[in-house]
């Protein structure tokens, strides 16, 4: 019986895959060429394809489920590669580090806000008008918020820690 020879593109079309995928199978030696063409029955047998149903082990090549799963798998692989690359570049921060920093920031916020009355009390003592008191309180709250937003509270706490250890 004469072999049924077709081009790689035609064989790929029949299976519902890309021509580069068939070329890859040829390069891997899983599909053999005869005078530059694919012997359909030999290739089907080598790939475990049921010629009647055109299925490969693991799924029907023409089925949407197979391609959806394959696309999902490839997307996950690409996402994982991207995450690994970002981690190597130092673009990702471990969640525990972020949570620690948030906790430190909120602790500093609480401490600084609770310290405003103590710091402002001597400044407002003796002031006569509500406007004068309000201005001092506004200035102190504004200064506290600027310290927190610029990270100066960290520098201050680091300096305090150095002096306390001496």
C-alpha atoms as a PDB file:
ATOM      1  CA  UNK A   1       0.000   0.000   0.000  1.00  0.00           C
ATOM      2  CA  UNK A   2       1.315   3.425  -0.974  1.00  0.00           C
ATOM      3  CA  UNK A   3       1.886   5.814   1.972  1.00  0.00           C
ATOM      4  CA  UNK A   4      -0.361   8.852   2.266  1.00  0.00           C
ATOM      5  CA  UNK A   5       2.142  11.732   2.153  1.00  0.00           C
ATOM      6  CA  UNK A   6       1.175  15.303   3.008  1.00  0.00           C
ATOM      7  CA  UNK A   7       3.028  18.516   3.835  1.00  0.00           C
ATOM      8  CA  UNK A   8       3.694  19.459   7.448  1.00  0.00           C
ATOM      9  CA  UNK A   9       1.187  22.306   7.095  1.00  0.00           C
ATOM     10  CA  UNK A  10      -1.524  19.972   5.822  1.00  0.00           C
ATOM     11  CA  UNK A  11      -0.860  17.455   8.598  1.00  0.00           C
ATOM     12  CA  UNK A  12      -1.005  20.255  11.174  1.00  0.00           C
ATOM     13  CA  UNK A  13      -4.312  21.469   9.712  1.00  0.00           C
ATOM     14  CA  UNK A  14      -5.779  17.965   9.905  1.00  0.00           C
ATOM     15  CA  UNK A  15      -4.846  17.684  13.572  1.00  0.00           C
ATOM     16  CA  UNK A  16      -5.835  21.233  14.441  1.00  0.00           C
ATOM     17  CA  UNK A  17      -2.333  22.208  15.545  1.00  0.00           C
ATOM     18  CA  UNK A  18       0.218  24.661  14.205  1.00  0.00           C
ATOM     19  CA  UNK A  19       2.804  23.848  11.563  1.00  0.00           C
ATOM     20  CA  UNK A  20       5.634  24.868  13.928  1.00  0.00           C
ATOM     21  CA  UNK A  21       4.333  22.247  16.380  1.00  0.00           C
ATOM     22  CA  UNK A  22       4.617  19.563  13.685  1.00  0.00           C
ATOM     23  CA  UNK A  23       8.108  20.851  12.802  1.00  0.00           C
ATOM     24  CA  UNK A  24       9.027  20.498  16.472  1.00  0.00           C
ATOM     25  CA  UNK A  25       7.787  16.898  16.482  1.00  0.00           C
ATOM     26  CA  UNK A  26       9.875  16.239  13.359  1.00  0.00           C
ATOM     27  CA  UNK A  27      12.931  17.766  14.986  1.00  0.00           C
ATOM     28  CA  UNK A  28      12.357  15.629  18.102  1.00  0.00           C
ATOM     29  CA  UNK A  29      12.169  12.559  15.865  1.00  0.00           C
ATOM     30  CA  UNK A  30       8.613  11.736  16.899  1.00  0.00           C
ATOM     31  CA  UNK A  31       7.353  12.309  13.337  1.00  0.00           C
ATOM     32  CA  UNK A  32       9.430  10.991  10.435  1.00  0.00           C
ATOM     33  CA  UNK A  33       9.471  12.595   6.999  1.00  0.00           C
ATOM     34  CA  UNK A  34       9.497  10.687   3.726  1.00  0.00           C
ATOM     35  CA  UNK A  35      10.977  12.807   0.935  1.00  0.00           C
ATOM     36  CA  UNK A  36      10.161  15.925   2.959  1.00  0.00           C
ATOM     37  CA  UNK A  37       6.525  14.926   3.531  1.00  0.00           C
ATOM     38  CA  UNK A  38       4.667  13.461   6.513  1.00  0.00           C
ATOM     39  CA  UNK A  39       3.478   9.862   6.168  1.00  0.00           C
ATOM     40  CA  UNK A  40       0.063  10.303   7.779  1.00  0.00           C
ATOM     41  CA  UNK A  41      -0.490   6.735   8.975  1.00  0.00           C
ATOM     42  CA  UNK A  42       3.076   6.393  10.350  1.00  0.00           C
ATOM     43  CA  UNK A  43       2.881   9.778  12.085  1.00  0.00           C
ATOM     44  CA  UNK A  44      -0.546   9.011  13.529  1.00  0.00           C
ATOM     45  CA  UNK A  45       0.743   5.720  14.877  1.00  0.00           C
ATOM     46  CA  UNK A  46       3.918   7.332  16.284  1.00  0.00           C
ATOM     47  CA  UNK A  47       1.852   9.981  18.056  1.00  0.00           C
ATOM     48  CA  UNK A  48      -0.748   7.526  19.312  1.00  0.00           C
ATOM     49  CA  UNK A  49      -3.520   9.143  17.292  1.00  0.00           C
ATOM     50  CA  UNK A  50      -6.600   7.067  16.613  1.00  0.00           C
ATOM     51  CA  UNK A  51      -7.091   7.598  12.870  1.00  0.00           C
ATOM     52  CA  UNK A  52     -10.825   7.039  13.198  1.00  0.00           C
ATOM     53  CA  UNK A  53     -11.348   9.721  15.827  1.00  0.00           C
ATOM     54  CA  UNK A  54      -8.189  11.856  15.435  1.00  0.00           C
ATOM     55  CA  UNK A  55      -7.477  11.860  19.136  1.00  0.00           C
ATOM     56  CA  UNK A  56      -4.197  11.924  20.948  1.00  0.00           C
ATOM     57  CA  UNK A  57      -3.647  10.428  24.352  1.00  0.00           C
ATOM     58  CA  UNK A  58      -4.858  13.042  26.816  1.00  0.00           C
ATOM     59  CA  UNK A  59      -7.595  14.528  24.674  1.00  0.00           C
ATOM     60  CA  UNK A  60      -9.111  15.256  21.323  1.00  0.00           C
ATOM     61  CA  UNK A  61      -6.936  17.695  19.397  1.00  0.00           C
ATOM     62  CA  UNK A  62      -9.968  19.234  17.785  1.00  0.00           C
ATOM     63  CA  UNK A  63     -11.948  19.670  20.981  1.00  0.00           C
ATOM     64  CA  UNK A  64     -12.348  23.146  22.492  1.00  0.00           C
ATOM     65  CA  UNK A  65     -11.658  21.727  25.977  1.00  0.00           C
ATOM     66  CA  UNK A  66      -8.227  20.507  24.903  1.00  0.00           C
ATOM     67  CA  UNK A  67      -7.250  23.906  23.484  1.00  0.00           C
ATOM     68  CA  UNK A  68      -8.763  25.802  26.393  1.00  0.00           C
ATOM     69  CA  UNK A  69      -6.769  23.678  28.824  1.00  0.00           C
ATOM     70  CA  UNK A  70      -3.627  24.034  26.730  1.00  0.00           C
ATOM     71  CA  UNK A  71      -4.052  27.819  26.530  1.00  0.00           C
ATOM     72  CA  UNK A  72      -4.684  27.997  30.288  1.00  0.00           C
ATOM     73  CA  UNK A  73      -1.580  25.895  30.945  1.00  0.00           C
ATOM     74  CA  UNK A  74       0.570  28.074  28.674  1.00  0.00           C
ATOM     75  CA  UNK A  75      -0.784  31.245  30.311  1.00  0.00           C
ATOM     76  CA  UNK A  76       0.059  29.909  33.768  1.00  0.00           C
ATOM     77  CA  UNK A  77       3.562  28.986  32.613  1.00  0.00           C
ATOM     78  CA  UNK A  78       4.037  32.485  31.183  1.00  0.00           C
ATOM     79  CA  UNK A  79       2.729  34.074  34.398  1.00  0.00           C
ATOM     80  CA  UNK A  80       5.075  31.964  36.502  1.00  0.00           C
ATOM     81  CA  UNK A  81       8.024  32.901  34.285  1.00  0.00           C
ATOM     82  CA  UNK A  82       7.107  36.574  34.630  1.00  0.00           C
ATOM     83  CA  UNK A  83       6.913  36.272  38.424  1.00  0.00           C
ATOM     84  CA  UNK A  84      10.284  34.510  38.565  1.00  0.00           C
ATOM     85  CA  UNK A  85      11.842  37.212  36.372  1.00  0.00           C
ATOM     86  CA  UNK A  86      10.420  40.017  38.507  1.00  0.00           C
ATOM     87  CA  UNK A  87      11.667  38.276  41.647  1.00  0.00           C
ATOM     88  CA  UNK A  88      15.171  38.008  40.192  1.00  0.00           C
ATOM     89  CA  UNK A  89      15.065  41.708  39.260  1.00  0.00           C
ATOM     90  CA  UNK A  90      14.041  42.582  42.806  1.00  0.00           C
ATOM     91  CA  UNK A  91      10.697  43.994  41.664  1.00  0.00           C
ATOM     92  CA  UNK A  92       8.666  41.818  44.030  1.00  0.00           C
ATOM     93  CA  UNK A  93       8.527  42.155  47.793  1.00  0.00           C
ATOM     94  CA  UNK A  94       7.593  39.284  50.105  1.00  0.00           C
ATOM     95  CA  UNK A  95       4.126  39.699  51.626  1.00  0.00           C
ATOM     96  CA  UNK A  96       5.491  39.336  55.187  1.00  0.00           C
ATOM     97  CA  UNK A  97       7.815  42.307  54.606  1.00  0.00           C
ATOM     98  CA  UNK A  98       4.908  44.410  53.347  1.00  0.00           C
ATOM     99  CA  UNK A  99       2.738  43.437  56.300  1.00  0.00           C
ATOM    100  CA  UNK A 100       5.565  44.260  58.755  1.00  0.00           C
ATOM    101  CA  UNK A 101       6.013  47.665  57.143  1.00  0.00           C
ATOM    102  CA  UNK A 102       2.283  48.392  57.285  1.00  0.00           C
ATOM    103  CA  UNK A 103       2.205  47.431  60.951  1.00  0.00           C
ATOM    104  CA  UNK A 104       5.185  49.700  61.711  1.00  0.00           C
ATOM    105  CA  UNK A 105       3.579  52.560  59.797  1.00  0.00           C
ATOM    106  CA  UNK A 106       0.254  52.258  61.631  1.00  0.00           C
ATOM    107  CA  UNK A 107       2.036  51.989  64.962  1.00  0.00           C
ATOM    108  CA  UNK A 108       3.980  55.163  64.180  1.00  0.00           C
ATOM    109  CA  UNK A 109       0.780  56.878  63.036  1.00  0.00           C
ATOM    110  CA  UNK A 110      -0.980  55.982  66.268  1.00  0.00           C
ATOM    111  CA  UNK A 111       1.963  57.084  68.420  1.00  0.00           C
ATOM    112  CA  UNK A 112       2.400  60.378  66.591  1.00  0.00           C
ATOM    113  CA  UNK A 113      -1.299  61.242  66.691  1.00  0.00           C
ATOM    114  CA  UNK A 114      -1.554  60.386  70.388  1.00  0.00           C
ATOM    115  CA  UNK A 115       1.484  62.605  71.052  1.00  0.00           C
ATOM    116  CA  UNK A 116      -0.072  65.720  69.477  1.00  0.00           C
ATOM    117  CA  UNK A 117      -2.039  66.803  72.583  1.00  0.00           C
ATOM    118  CA  UNK A 118       1.003  66.380  74.843  1.00  0.00           C
ATOM    119  CA  UNK A 119       3.206  68.317  72.455  1.00  0.00           C
ATOM    120  CA  UNK A 120       0.604  71.020  71.763  1.00  0.00           C
ATOM    121  CA  UNK A 121      -0.656  71.558  75.333  1.00  0.00           C
ATOM    122  CA  UNK A 122       2.237  73.800  76.451  1.00  0.00           C
ATOM    123  CA  UNK A 123       1.974  75.761  73.199  1.00  0.00           C
ATOM    124  CA  UNK A 124      -1.723  76.522  73.617  1.00  0.00           C
ATOM    125  CA  UNK A 125      -1.497  77.256  77.342  1.00  0.00           C
ATOM    126  CA  UNK A 126      -2.115  80.914  77.806  1.00  0.00           C
ATOM    127  CA  UNK A 127      -3.458  81.594  74.319  1.00  0.00           C
ATOM    128  CA  UNK A 128      -6.506  83.817  74.447  1.00  0.00           C
ATOM    129  CA  UNK A 129      -8.513  83.080  71.285  1.00  0.00           C
ATOM    130  CA  UNK A 130      -9.923  79.978  69.733  1.00  0.00           C
ATOM    131  CA  UNK A 131      -8.300  80.950  66.429  1.00  0.00           C
ATOM    132  CA  UNK A 132      -4.822  80.960  68.038  1.00  0.00           C
ATOM    133  CA  UNK A 133      -5.394  77.530  69.620  1.00  0.00           C
ATOM    134  CA  UNK A 134      -6.779  76.144  66.359  1.00  0.00           C
ATOM    135  CA  UNK A 135      -3.731  77.385  64.430  1.00  0.00           C
ATOM    136  CA  UNK A 136      -1.292  75.690  66.857  1.00  0.00           C
ATOM    137  CA  UNK A 137      -3.257  72.419  66.701  1.00  0.00           C
ATOM    138  CA  UNK A 138      -3.521  72.611  62.890  1.00  0.00           C
ATOM    139  CA  UNK A 139       0.235  73.235  62.618  1.00  0.00           C
ATOM    140  CA  UNK A 140       1.073  70.308  64.919  1.00  0.00           C
ATOM    141  CA  UNK A 141      -1.261  67.904  63.114  1.00  0.00           C
ATOM    142  CA  UNK A 142       0.068  69.058  59.742  1.00  0.00           C
ATOM    143  CA  UNK A 143       3.681  68.589  60.899  1.00  0.00           C
ATOM    144  CA  UNK A 144       2.844  65.095  62.183  1.00  0.00           C
ATOM    145  CA  UNK A 145       1.225  64.126  58.887  1.00  0.00           C
ATOM    146  CA  UNK A 146       4.182  65.476  56.896  1.00  0.00           C
ATOM    147  CA  UNK A 147       6.574  63.455  59.072  1.00  0.00           C
ATOM    148  CA  UNK A 148       4.524  60.324  58.475  1.00  0.00           C
ATOM    149  CA  UNK A 149       4.131  60.862  54.737  1.00  0.00           C
ATOM    150  CA  UNK A 150       7.827  61.585  54.136  1.00  0.00           C
ATOM    151  CA  UNK A 151       9.138  58.803  56.349  1.00  0.00           C
ATOM    152  CA  UNK A 152      10.858  61.262  58.714  1.00  0.00           C
ATOM    153  CA  UNK A 153       9.313  59.416  61.655  1.00  0.00           C
ATOM    154  CA  UNK A 154      11.583  56.476  60.782  1.00  0.00           C
ATOM    155  CA  UNK A 155      14.678  58.653  60.859  1.00  0.00           C
ATOM    156  CA  UNK A 156      13.586  60.142  64.175  1.00  0.00           C
ATOM    157  CA  UNK A 157      12.906  56.732  65.701  1.00  0.00           C
ATOM    158  CA  UNK A 158      16.255  55.417  64.404  1.00  0.00           C
ATOM    159  CA  UNK A 159      18.052  58.421  65.930  1.00  0.00           C
ATOM    160  CA  UNK A 160      16.186  57.948  69.222  1.00  0.00           C
ATOM    161  CA  UNK A 161      17.147  54.264  69.208  1.00  0.00           C
ATOM    162  CA  UNK A 162      20.852  55.147  68.733  1.00  0.00           C
ATOM    163  CA  UNK A 163      20.788  57.616  71.634  1.00  0.00           C
ATOM    164  CA  UNK A 164      18.941  55.161  73.907  1.00  0.00           C
ATOM    165  CA  UNK A 165      21.567  52.443  73.284  1.00  0.00           C
ATOM    166  CA  UNK A 166      24.527  54.669  74.197  1.00  0.00           C
END
